[in-house]
Each structure stands twice: as structure tokens, then as C-alpha cells.
PDB file of N, CA and C in Angstrom:
ATOM      1  N   MET A   1     132.584 218.879 -53.760  1.00  0.00           N
ATOM      2  CA  MET A   1     131.210 219.254 -54.467  1.00  0.00           C
ATOM      3  C   MET A   1     131.006 220.305 -55.816  1.00  0.00           C
ATOM      4  N   GLU A   2     130.401 219.597 -56.878  1.00  0.00           N
ATOM      5  CA  GLU A   2     129.834 220.692 -57.726  1.00  0.00           C
ATOM      6  C   GLU A   2     128.520 220.653 -57.590  1.00  0.00           C
ATOM      7  N   GLN A   3     128.932 221.934 -57.603  1.00  0.00           N
ATOM      8  CA  GLN A   3     127.112 222.823 -57.329  1.00  0.00           C
ATOM      9  C   GLN A   3     126.643 222.965 -59.357  1.00  0.00           C
ATOM     10  N   GLN A   4     125.259 223.030 -58.972  1.00  0.00           N
ATOM     11  CA  GLN A   4     124.704 222.670 -60.140  1.00  0.00           C
ATOM     12  C   GLN A   4     124.281 224.432 -60.348  1.00  0.00           C
ATOM     13  N   ASN A   5     123.377 224.708 -60.837  1.00  0.00           N
ATOM     14  CA  ASN A   5     122.207 226.487 -60.629  1.00  0.00           C
ATOM     15  C   ASN A   5     121.098 225.475 -61.496  1.00  0.00           C
ATOM     16  N   THR A   6     120.208 225.767 -60.244  1.00  0.00           N
ATOM     17  CA  THR A   6     119.444 224.977 -60.357  1.00  0.00           C
ATOM     18  C   THR A   6     117.947 226.190 -60.013  1.00  0.00           C
ATOM     19  N   GLY A   7     118.310 226.910 -59.636  1.00  0.00           N
ATOM     20  CA  GLY A   7     117.393 228.208 -59.304  1.00  0.00           C
ATOM     21  C   GLY A   7     116.569 228.391 -58.111  1.00  0.00           C
ATOM     22  N   LEU A   8     117.067 226.652 -57.609  1.00  0.00           N
ATOM     23  CA  LEU A   8     116.927 226.633 -55.661  1.00  0.00           C
ATOM     24  C   LEU A   8     117.386 227.111 -55.312  1.00  0.00           C
ATOM     25  N   ARG A   9     117.449 227.286 -53.937  1.00  0.00           N
ATOM     26  CA  ARG A   9     118.036 227.775 -52.605  1.00  0.00           C
ATOM     27  C   ARG A   9     118.954 226.139 -52.077  1.00  0.00           C
ATOM     28  N   ALA A  10     120.294 226.707 -51.681  1.00  0.00           N
ATOM     29  CA  ALA A  10     120.388 225.487 -50.853  1.00  0.00           C
ATOM     30  C   ALA A  10     120.006 225.977 -48.986  1.00  0.00           C
ATOM     31  N   LEU A  11     120.059 224.881 -48.649  1.00  0.00           N
ATOM     32  CA  LEU A  11     119.886 225.060 -46.934  1.00  0.00           C
ATOM     33  C   LEU A  11     120.932 226.008 -46.155  1.00  0.00           C
ATOM     34  N   ASP A  12     121.947 227.239 -46.198  1.00  0.00           N
ATOM     35  CA  ASP A  12     122.831 227.888 -45.426  1.00  0.00           C
ATOM     36  C   ASP A  12     123.235 227.353 -44.206  1.00  0.00           C
ATOM     37  N   SER A  13     124.501 228.017 -43.749  1.00  0.00           N
ATOM     38  CA  SER A  13     124.406 226.926 -42.456  1.00  0.00           C
ATOM     39  C   SER A  13     123.699 227.956 -41.385  1.00  0.00           C
ATOM     40  N   ILE A  14     123.112 228.680 -41.415  1.00  0.00           N
ATOM     41  CA  ILE A  14     122.246 229.344 -40.064  1.00  0.00           C
ATOM     42  C   ILE A  14     121.118 228.308 -39.961  1.00  0.00           C
ATOM     43  N   GLU A  15     120.217 228.538 -41.629  1.00  0.00           N
ATOM     44  CA  GLU A  15     119.451 227.274 -41.116  1.00  0.00           C
ATOM     45  C   GLU A  15     119.113 226.291 -41.034  1.00  0.00           C
ATOM     46  N   ARG A  16     120.796 225.366 -41.293  1.00  0.00           N
ATOM     47  CA  ARG A  16     120.779 223.964 -40.505  1.00  0.00           C
ATOM     48  C   ARG A  16     121.353 223.812 -39.263  1.00  0.00           C
ATOM     49  N   ALA A  17     121.690 225.096 -38.860  1.00  0.00           N
ATOM     50  CA  ALA A  17     122.072 225.351 -37.285  1.00  0.00           C
ATOM     51  C   ALA A  17     120.758 225.470 -36.664  1.00  0.00           C
ATOM     52  N   LYS A  18     119.768 226.177 -37.101  1.00  0.00           N
ATOM     53  CA  LYS A  18     118.229 226.076 -36.146  1.00  0.00           C
ATOM     54  C   LYS A  18     117.985 225.081 -36.482  1.00  0.00           C
ATOM     55  N   LEU A  19     117.892 224.741 -37.327  1.00  0.00           N
ATOM     56  CA  LEU A  19     117.176 222.729 -37.792  1.00  0.00           C
ATOM     57  C   LEU A  19     118.009 221.825 -36.851  1.00  0.00           C
ATOM     58  N   GLY A  20     119.203 222.414 -36.956  1.00  0.00           N
ATOM     59  CA  GLY A  20     119.763 220.524 -36.459  1.00  0.00           C
ATOM     60  C   GLY A  20     119.145 221.130 -34.851  1.00  0.00           C
ATOM     61  N   ILE A  21     119.308 222.179 -33.930  1.00  0.00           N
ATOM     62  CA  ILE A  21     118.351 222.678 -32.643  1.00  0.00           C
ATOM     63  C   ILE A  21     117.273 221.831 -32.564  1.00  0.00           C
ATOM     64  N   LYS A  22     116.661 222.524 -33.507  1.00  0.00           N
ATOM     65  CA  LYS A  22     115.065 222.103 -33.559  1.00  0.00           C
ATOM     66  C   LYS A  22     115.123 220.223 -33.427  1.00  0.00           C
ATOM     67  N   VAL A  23     115.793 219.824 -33.911  1.00  0.00           N
ATOM     68  CA  VAL A  23     115.516 218.593 -34.215  1.00  0.00           C
ATOM     69  C   VAL A  23     116.437 217.417 -33.327  1.00  0.00           C
ATOM     70  N   PHE A  24     117.552 218.162 -32.635  1.00  0.00           N
ATOM     71  CA  PHE A  24     118.675 217.552 -31.600  1.00  0.00           C
ATOM     72  C   PHE A  24     118.022 216.082 -30.648  1.00  0.00           C
ATOM     73  N   ASN A  25     117.189 216.265 -30.609  1.00  0.00           N
ATOM     74  CA  ASN A  25     117.027 214.887 -29.537  1.00  0.00           C
ATOM     75  C   ASN A  25     115.868 214.221 -30.148  1.00  0.00           C
ATOM     76  N   MET A  26     115.150 214.374 -31.567  1.00  0.00           N
ATOM     77  CA  MET A  26     114.403 213.460 -31.509  1.00  0.00           C
ATOM     78  C   MET A  26     114.924 212.596 -32.499  1.00  0.00           C
ATOM     79  N   PRO A  27     113.414 211.563 -32.458  1.00  0.00           N
ATOM     80  CA  PRO A  27     114.599 210.158 -33.022  1.00  0.00           C
ATOM     81  C   PRO A  27     114.465 210.799 -34.737  1.00  0.00           C
ATOM     82  N   PHE A  28     115.315 209.859 -35.382  1.00  0.00           N
ATOM     83  CA  PHE A  28     115.461 209.856 -36.884  1.00  0.00           C
ATOM     84  C   PHE A  28     114.365 210.410 -37.847  1.00  0.00           C
ATOM     85  N   ASP A  29     113.664 209.865 -37.839  1.00  0.00           N
ATOM     86  CA  ASP A  29     111.877 209.578 -38.732  1.00  0.00           C
ATOM     87  C   ASP A  29     111.255 210.744 -37.955  1.00  0.00           C
ATOM     88  N   GLU A  30     111.338 211.223 -36.851  1.00  0.00           N
ATOM     89  CA  GLU A  30     110.296 212.082 -36.559  1.00  0.00           C
ATOM     90  C   GLU A  30     111.417 213.791 -37.015  1.00  0.00           C
ATOM     91  N   ALA A  31     112.746 214.019 -36.211  1.00  0.00           N
ATOM     92  CA  ALA A  31     113.352 214.569 -37.444  1.00  0.00           C
ATOM     93  C   ALA A  31     113.557 214.953 -38.639  1.00  0.00           C
ATOM     94  N   GLU A  32     113.640 213.791 -39.584  1.00  0.00           N
ATOM     95  CA  GLU A  32     113.170 213.963 -40.947  1.00  0.00           C
ATOM     96  C   GLU A  32     111.960 214.424 -41.488  1.00  0.00           C
ATOM     97  N   GLU A  33     110.743 214.317 -40.828  1.00  0.00           N
ATOM     98  CA  GLU A  33     109.420 214.939 -40.913  1.00  0.00           C
ATOM     99  C   GLU A  33     109.839 216.207 -40.823  1.00  0.00           C
ATOM    100  N   VAL A  34     110.529 216.896 -39.256  1.00  0.00           N
ATOM    101  CA  VAL A  34     110.724 217.795 -39.452  1.00  0.00           C
ATOM    102  C   VAL A  34     111.352 218.657 -40.925  1.00  0.00           C
ATOM    103  N   ILE A  35     112.181 218.455 -41.373  1.00  0.00           N
ATOM    104  CA  ILE A  35     112.732 219.194 -41.453  1.00  0.00           C
ATOM    105  C   ILE A  35     112.367 219.017 -43.222  1.00  0.00           C
ATOM    106  N   ASP A  36     111.556 218.302 -43.586  1.00  0.00           N
ATOM    107  CA  ASP A  36     110.790 218.041 -45.055  1.00  0.00           C
ATOM    108  C   ASP A  36     110.109 219.334 -44.802  1.00  0.00           C
ATOM    109  N   ALA A  37     109.498 219.304 -43.246  1.00  0.00           N
ATOM    110  CA  ALA A  37     108.041 220.264 -43.497  1.00  0.00           C
ATOM    111  C   ALA A  37     108.674 221.673 -43.713  1.00  0.00           C
ATOM    112  N   TYR A  38     109.784 221.842 -43.067  1.00  0.00           N
ATOM    113  CA  TYR A  38     110.809 222.867 -43.192  1.00  0.00           C
ATOM    114  C   TYR A  38     111.137 223.092 -44.366  1.00  0.00           C
ATOM    115  N   ALA A  39     111.353 222.265 -45.434  1.00  0.00           N
ATOM    116  CA  ALA A  39     112.381 222.111 -47.029  1.00  0.00           C
ATOM    117  C   ALA A  39     110.699 222.985 -47.491  1.00  0.00           C
ATOM    118  N   SER A  40     109.627 222.370 -47.174  1.00  0.00           N
ATOM    119  CA  SER A  40     108.269 222.146 -48.260  1.00  0.00           C
ATOM    120  C   SER A  40     108.061 223.686 -48.125  1.00  0.00           C
ATOM    121  N   GLN A  41     108.081 224.157 -46.988  1.00  0.00           N
ATOM    122  CA  GLN A  41     107.788 225.637 -46.902  1.00  0.00           C
ATOM    123  C   GLN A  41     108.768 226.693 -47.844  1.00  0.00           C
ATOM    124  N   GLY A  42     110.021 226.348 -48.162  1.00  0.00           N
ATOM    125  CA  GLY A  42     110.875 227.575 -48.433  1.00  0.00           C
ATOM    126  C   GLY A  42     110.595 226.998 -50.448  1.00  0.00           C
ATOM    127  N   ASP A  43     112.005 227.253 -51.125  1.00  0.00           N
ATOM    128  CA  ASP A  43     112.223 226.985 -52.385  1.00  0.00           C
ATOM    129  C   ASP A  43     113.662 226.175 -52.027  1.00  0.00           C
ATOM    130  N   TYR A  44     113.329 224.987 -51.798  1.00  0.00           N
ATOM    131  CA  TYR A  44     115.093 225.021 -51.335  1.00  0.00           C
ATOM    132  C   TYR A  44     115.272 223.743 -51.914  1.00  0.00           C
ATOM    133  N   ASP A  45     116.314 223.474 -52.666  1.00  0.00           N
ATOM    134  CA  ASP A  45     117.112 222.428 -53.605  1.00  0.00           C
ATOM    135  C   ASP A  45     117.116 220.976 -52.334  1.00  0.00           C
ATOM    136  N   PRO A  46     116.700 219.949 -53.331  1.00  0.00           N
ATOM    137  CA  PRO A  46     116.324 218.235 -52.687  1.00  0.00           C
ATOM    138  C   PRO A  46     117.187 218.395 -52.189  1.00  0.00           C
ATOM    139  N   ALA A  47     118.567 218.286 -52.706  1.00  0.00           N
ATOM    140  CA  ALA A  47     119.987 217.566 -52.919  1.00  0.00           C
ATOM    141  C   ALA A  47     120.446 218.251 -51.657  1.00  0.00           C
ATOM    142  N   SER A  48     120.381 219.326 -51.654  1.00  0.00           N
ATOM    143  CA  SER A  48     120.825 220.438 -49.961  1.00  0.00           C
ATOM    144  C   SER A  48     120.150 219.641 -48.895  1.00  0.00           C
ATOM    145  N   VAL A  49     119.031 219.485 -49.117  1.00  0.00           N
ATOM    146  CA  VAL A  49     117.972 219.008 -48.138  1.00  0.00           C
ATOM    147  C   VAL A  49     118.555 217.285 -47.591  1.00  0.00           C
ATOM    148  N   GLU A  50     118.967 216.520 -48.315  1.00  0.00           N
ATOM    149  CA  GLU A  50     119.019 214.985 -48.592  1.00  0.00           C
ATOM    150  C   GLU A  50     120.291 214.943 -47.796  1.00  0.00           C
ATOM    151  N   LEU A  51     121.419 215.814 -48.361  1.00  0.00           N
ATOM    152  CA  LEU A  51     122.663 216.648 -47.829  1.00  0.00           C
ATOM    153  C   LEU A  51     122.627 216.673 -45.944  1.00  0.00           C
ATOM    154  N   PHE A  52     121.758 217.452 -45.888  1.00  0.00           N
ATOM    155  CA  PHE A  52     121.443 217.827 -44.895  1.00  0.00           C
ATOM    156  C   PHE A  52     121.055 217.178 -43.280  1.00  0.00           C
ATOM    157  N   LYS A  53     120.115 215.662 -43.719  1.00  0.00           N
ATOM    158  CA  LYS A  53     119.757 214.533 -43.706  1.00  0.00           C
ATOM    159  C   LYS A  53     120.735 213.668 -43.209  1.00  0.00           C
ATOM    160  N   GLU A  54     121.880 213.354 -44.523  1.00  0.00           N
ATOM    161  CA  GLU A  54     122.499 212.818 -44.473  1.00  0.00           C
ATOM    162  C   GLU A  54     123.753 213.132 -43.364  1.00  0.00           C
ATOM    163  N   GLN A  55     123.539 214.237 -43.161  1.00  0.00           N
ATOM    164  CA  GLN A  55     124.934 214.898 -42.077  1.00  0.00           C
ATOM    165  C   GLN A  55     124.385 214.793 -40.927  1.00  0.00           C
ATOM    166  N   LEU A  56     123.149 214.970 -40.965  1.00  0.00           N
ATOM    167  CA  LEU A  56     122.095 214.252 -39.202  1.00  0.00           C
ATOM    168  C   LEU A  56     122.450 213.017 -39.192  1.00  0.00           C
ATOM    169  N   ASP A  57     122.081 212.131 -40.011  1.00  0.00           N
ATOM    170  CA  ASP A  57     122.391 210.793 -39.764  1.00  0.00           C
ATOM    171  C   ASP A  57     123.644 210.096 -39.114  1.00  0.00           C
ATOM    172  N   THR A  58     125.101 210.772 -39.680  1.00  0.00           N
ATOM    173  CA  THR A  58     126.121 210.421 -39.605  1.00  0.00           C
ATOM    174  C   THR A  58     126.759 211.200 -38.115  1.00  0.00           C
ATOM    175  N   GLN A  59     125.914 212.159 -38.088  1.00  0.00           N
ATOM    176  CA  GLN A  59     126.440 212.976 -36.537  1.00  0.00           C
ATOM    177  C   GLN A  59     125.607 212.134 -35.445  1.00  0.00           C
ATOM    178  N   ARG A  60     124.565 211.748 -35.577  1.00  0.00           N
ATOM    179  CA  ARG A  60     124.202 210.614 -34.446  1.00  0.00           C
ATOM    180  C   ARG A  60     124.593 208.952 -34.239  1.00  0.00           C
ATOM    181  N   HIS A  61     124.908 208.991 -35.539  1.00  0.00           N
ATOM    182  CA  HIS A  61     126.024 207.270 -35.658  1.00  0.00           C
ATOM    183  C   HIS A  61     127.312 207.867 -35.006  1.00  0.00           C
ATOM    184  N   ILE A  62     127.401 208.463 -34.959  1.00  0.00           N
ATOM    185  CA  ILE A  62     128.700 209.019 -34.670  1.00  0.00           C
ATOM    186  C   ILE A  62     128.699 209.121 -32.815  1.00  0.00           C
ATOM    187  N   GLN A  63     127.535 209.794 -32.287  1.00  0.00           N
ATOM    188  CA  GLN A  63     126.932 209.990 -31.150  1.00  0.00           C
ATOM    189  C   GLN A  63     127.117 208.115 -30.116  1.00  0.00           C
ATOM    190  N   GLU A  64     125.979 207.581 -31.567  1.00  0.00           N
ATOM    191  CA  GLU A  64     125.711 206.323 -30.888  1.00  0.00           C
ATOM    192  C   GLU A  64     126.866 205.625 -30.739  1.00  0.00           C
ATOM    193  N   LYS A  65     128.039 205.494 -31.578  1.00  0.00           N
ATOM    194  CA  LYS A  65     129.780 204.627 -31.104  1.00  0.00           C
ATOM    195  C   LYS A  65     130.203 205.359 -30.099  1.00  0.00           C
ATOM    196  N   SER A  66     130.188 206.424 -29.555  1.00  0.00           N
ATOM    197  CA  SER A  66     130.524 207.286 -28.638  1.00  0.00           C
ATOM    198  C   SER A  66     130.358 206.666 -27.161  1.00  0.00           C
ATOM    199  N   VAL A  67     128.608 206.432 -27.401  1.00  0.00           N
ATOM    200  CA  VAL A  67     128.514 206.409 -26.128  1.00  0.00           C
ATOM    201  C   VAL A  67     129.469 204.933 -25.631  1.00  0.00           C
ATOM    202  N   GLU A  68     129.125 203.836 -27.319  1.00  0.00           N
ATOM    203  CA  GLU A  68     129.405 202.793 -26.670  1.00  0.00           C
ATOM    204  C   GLU A  68     130.661 202.829 -26.167  1.00  0.00           C
ATOM    205  N   LEU A  69     131.488 203.357 -27.548  1.00  0.00           N
ATOM    206  CA  LEU A  69     133.157 203.475 -26.594  1.00  0.00           C
ATOM    207  C   LEU A  69     133.397 204.184 -25.218  1.00  0.00           C
ATOM    208  N   PHE A  70     132.336 205.094 -24.768  1.00  0.00           N
ATOM    209  CA  PHE A  70     133.072 205.629 -23.229  1.00  0.00           C
ATOM    210  C   PHE A  70     132.203 204.414 -22.553  1.00  0.00           C
ATOM    211  N   SER A  71     131.782 203.691 -22.766  1.00  0.00           N
ATOM    212  CA  SER A  71     130.839 202.207 -21.762  1.00  0.00           C
ATOM    213  C   SER A  71     131.505 201.282 -21.484  1.00  0.00           C
ATOM    214  N   THR A  72     132.817 201.044 -22.753  1.00  0.00           N
ATOM    215  CA  THR A  72     133.350 199.944 -23.048  1.00  0.00           C
ATOM    216  C   THR A  72     134.557 200.536 -22.430  1.00  0.00           C
ATOM    217  N   GLY A  73     135.060 201.477 -22.287  1.00  0.00           N
ATOM    218  CA  GLY A  73     136.203 201.595 -21.550  1.00  0.00           C
ATOM    219  C   GLY A  73     135.933 202.190 -20.382  1.00  0.00           C
ATOM    220  N   ALA A  74     134.856 202.559 -19.635  1.00  0.00           N
ATOM    221  CA  ALA A  74     134.725 202.370 -18.055  1.00  0.00           C
ATOM    222  C   ALA A  74     134.561 201.308 -17.759  1.00  0.00           C
ATOM    223  N   GLN A  75     133.953 200.312 -18.869  1.00  0.00           N
ATOM    224  CA  GLN A  75     134.151 198.903 -18.413  1.00  0.00           C
ATOM    225  C   GLN A  75     136.037 197.985 -18.043  1.00  0.00           C
ATOM    226  N   ILE A  76     136.455 198.098 -19.149  1.00  0.00           N
ATOM    227  CA  ILE A  76     137.867 197.969 -18.932  1.00  0.00           C
ATOM    228  C   ILE A  76     138.279 198.505 -17.801  1.00  0.00           C
ATOM    229  N   LEU A  77     138.143 199.902 -17.319  1.00  0.00           N
ATOM    230  CA  LEU A  77     138.506 200.679 -16.721  1.00  0.00           C
ATOM    231  C   LEU A  77     138.557 200.168 -15.214  1.00  0.00           C
ATOM    232  N   ARG A  78     137.237 199.795 -15.081  1.00  0.00           N
ATOM    233  CA  ARG A  78     136.811 199.925 -13.625  1.00  0.00           C
ATOM    234  C   ARG A  78     137.043 197.429 -13.419  1.00  0.00           C
ATOM    235  N   LEU A  79     137.524 196.836 -14.389  1.00  0.00           N
ATOM    236  CA  LEU A  79     138.299 195.640 -14.388  1.00  0.00           C
ATOM    237  C   LEU A  79     139.852 195.789 -13.681  1.00  0.00           C
ATOM    238  N   VAL A  80     140.399 196.629 -14.658  1.00  0.00           N
ATOM    239  CA  VAL A  80     141.869 197.039 -14.636  1.00  0.00           C
ATOM    240  C   VAL A  80     141.640 197.370 -12.865  1.00  0.00           C
ATOM    241  N   VAL A  81     140.797 198.618 -12.413  1.00  0.00           N
ATOM    242  CA  VAL A  81     140.821 198.523 -10.482  1.00  0.00           C
ATOM    243  C   VAL A  81     141.192 197.577 -10.379  1.00  0.00           C
ATOM    244  N   ASN A  82     139.753 196.969 -10.653  1.00  0.00           N
ATOM    245  CA  ASN A  82     139.053 195.744  -9.124  1.00  0.00           C
ATOM    246  C   ASN A  82     139.942 194.713  -9.097  1.00  0.00           C
ATOM    247  N   ALA A  83     141.379 194.558 -10.642  1.00  0.00           N
ATOM    248  CA  ALA A  83     142.527 193.536 -10.297  1.00  0.00           C
ATOM    249  C   ALA A  83     143.758 194.222  -9.741  1.00  0.00           C
ATOM    250  N   VAL A  84     143.805 195.524  -9.813  1.00  0.00           N
ATOM    251  CA  VAL A  84     144.812 196.170  -9.634  1.00  0.00           C
ATOM    252  C   VAL A  84     144.973 196.012  -7.647  1.00  0.00           C
ATOM    253  N   LEU A  85     143.018 196.367  -6.894  1.00  0.00           N
ATOM    254  CA  LEU A  85     142.975 195.701  -5.782  1.00  0.00           C
ATOM    255  C   LEU A  85     142.871 194.699  -5.346  1.00  0.00           C
ATOM    256  N   LYS A  86     142.404 193.912  -6.366  1.00  0.00           N
ATOM    257  CA  LYS A  86     142.631 192.829  -5.643  1.00  0.00           C
ATOM    258  C   LYS A  86     144.115 191.614  -5.536  1.00  0.00           C
ATOM    259  N   ASN A  87     145.312 192.619  -5.788  1.00  0.00           N
ATOM    260  CA  ASN A  87     146.548 191.708  -6.363  1.00  0.00           C
ATOM    261  C   ASN A  87     147.068 192.286  -5.880  1.00  0.00           C
ATOM    262  N   MET A  88     147.144 193.466  -4.894  1.00  0.00           N
ATOM    263  CA  MET A  88     147.934 194.726  -4.161  1.00  0.00           C
ATOM    264  C   MET A  88     147.685 193.818  -2.850  1.00  0.00           C
ATOM    265  N   PRO A  89     149.323 193.751  -2.239  1.00  0.00           N
ATOM    266  CA  PRO A  89     149.768 193.045  -1.076  1.00  0.00           C
ATOM    267  C   PRO A  89     149.428 193.671   0.249  1.00  0.00           C
ATOM    268  N   SER A  90     148.823 192.567   1.054  1.00  0.00           N
ATOM    269  CA  SER A  90     148.272 193.109   1.837  1.00  0.00           C
ATOM    270  C   SER A  90     148.934 193.745   3.437  1.00  0.00           C
ATOM    271  N   PRO A  91     149.018 194.447   4.078  1.00  0.00           N
ATOM    272  CA  PRO A  91     150.551 194.937   4.593  1.00  0.00           C
ATOM    273  C   PRO A  91     150.122 193.877   5.973  1.00  0.00           C
ATOM    274  N   PRO A  92     151.670 193.999   6.495  1.00  0.00           N
ATOM    275  CA  PRO A  92     151.698 193.037   7.309  1.00  0.00           C
ATOM    276  C   PRO A  92     150.608 192.962   8.414  1.00  0.00           C
ATOM    277  N   GLY A  93     150.404 191.857   8.955  1.00  0.00           N
ATOM    278  CA  GLY A  93     149.586 191.509   9.747  1.00  0.00           C
ATOM    279  C   GLY A  93     148.030 191.154   9.321  1.00  0.00           C
ATOM    280  N   GLU A  94     147.948 191.929   8.319  1.00  0.00           N
ATOM    281  CA  GLU A  94     146.341 191.067   8.075  1.00  0.00           C
ATOM    282  C   GLU A  94     145.819 190.144   7.396  1.00  0.00           C
ATOM    283  N   THR A  95     144.748 189.331   7.484  1.00  0.00           N
ATOM    284  CA  THR A  95     144.553 188.315   6.647  1.00  0.00           C
ATOM    285  C   THR A  95     143.594 188.701   5.408  1.00  0.00           C
ATOM    286  N   SER A  96     144.311 187.848   4.295  1.00  0.00           N
ATOM    287  CA  SER A  96     143.860 188.281   3.002  1.00  0.00           C
ATOM    288  C   SER A  96     142.248 187.447   3.119  1.00  0.00           C
ATOM    289  N   LYS A  97     141.224 188.555   2.191  1.00  0.00           N
ATOM    290  CA  LYS A  97     139.785 188.311   2.519  1.00  0.00           C
ATOM    291  C   LYS A  97     139.354 187.749   0.882  1.00  0.00           C
ATOM    292  N   SER A  98     140.217 186.847   0.426  1.00  0.00           N
ATOM    293  CA  SER A  98     140.078 186.670  -0.760  1.00  0.00           C
ATOM    294  C   SER A  98     139.358 184.851  -0.852  1.00  0.00           C
TER     295      SER A  98
END
């Protein structure tokens, strides 16, 4: 990524971490407002602020997809376990319940 000398400050890693913790559980629109309010208090490069917002949005998208994958995996595991239990041979002398 090419960096241009605009005379404005970029959000450094400490500031991004603090903002990230502050907006962690907020809806994206609300988080965006908090980030904009923080950036308006300093002389920050708008491109670095937008990049941070994009990174935050990407992280949230990844988290949402990981929850979906986890849920799908749990459903698959439940189906497999139920199928295995249903198809296990009964011990001699017991009648089948299915």
C-alpha cells in the first residue's frame, strides 16, 4: 500500500486497539459513529480511518460466518451421532425400539 504524505496522522495500532475494544459489541452503524467522533477530535487521515472501518466490517463478517459454520457443524455432528446410535446393533435379548 502506497503511503502519501498528507500531513495528517494515521490511526496507529494502539489507537485502533483501543477503538476496537470500545466498539467490539456495538452494531456497525453505532461503531462507525464512535470511530468518526474519535477521528474528528484529532487530525487523522480519512483514508486510515476508512481502512480501520473496513477492517472492522471484515472482522465482523468473518465472525458471523464462523458462527454459521459452527452451527452447521454442530447440526451435522448431531445427525451423524443420531444415525450411528439408531443403527447400532441391539444386544442379544433386547427388542428394537424403532
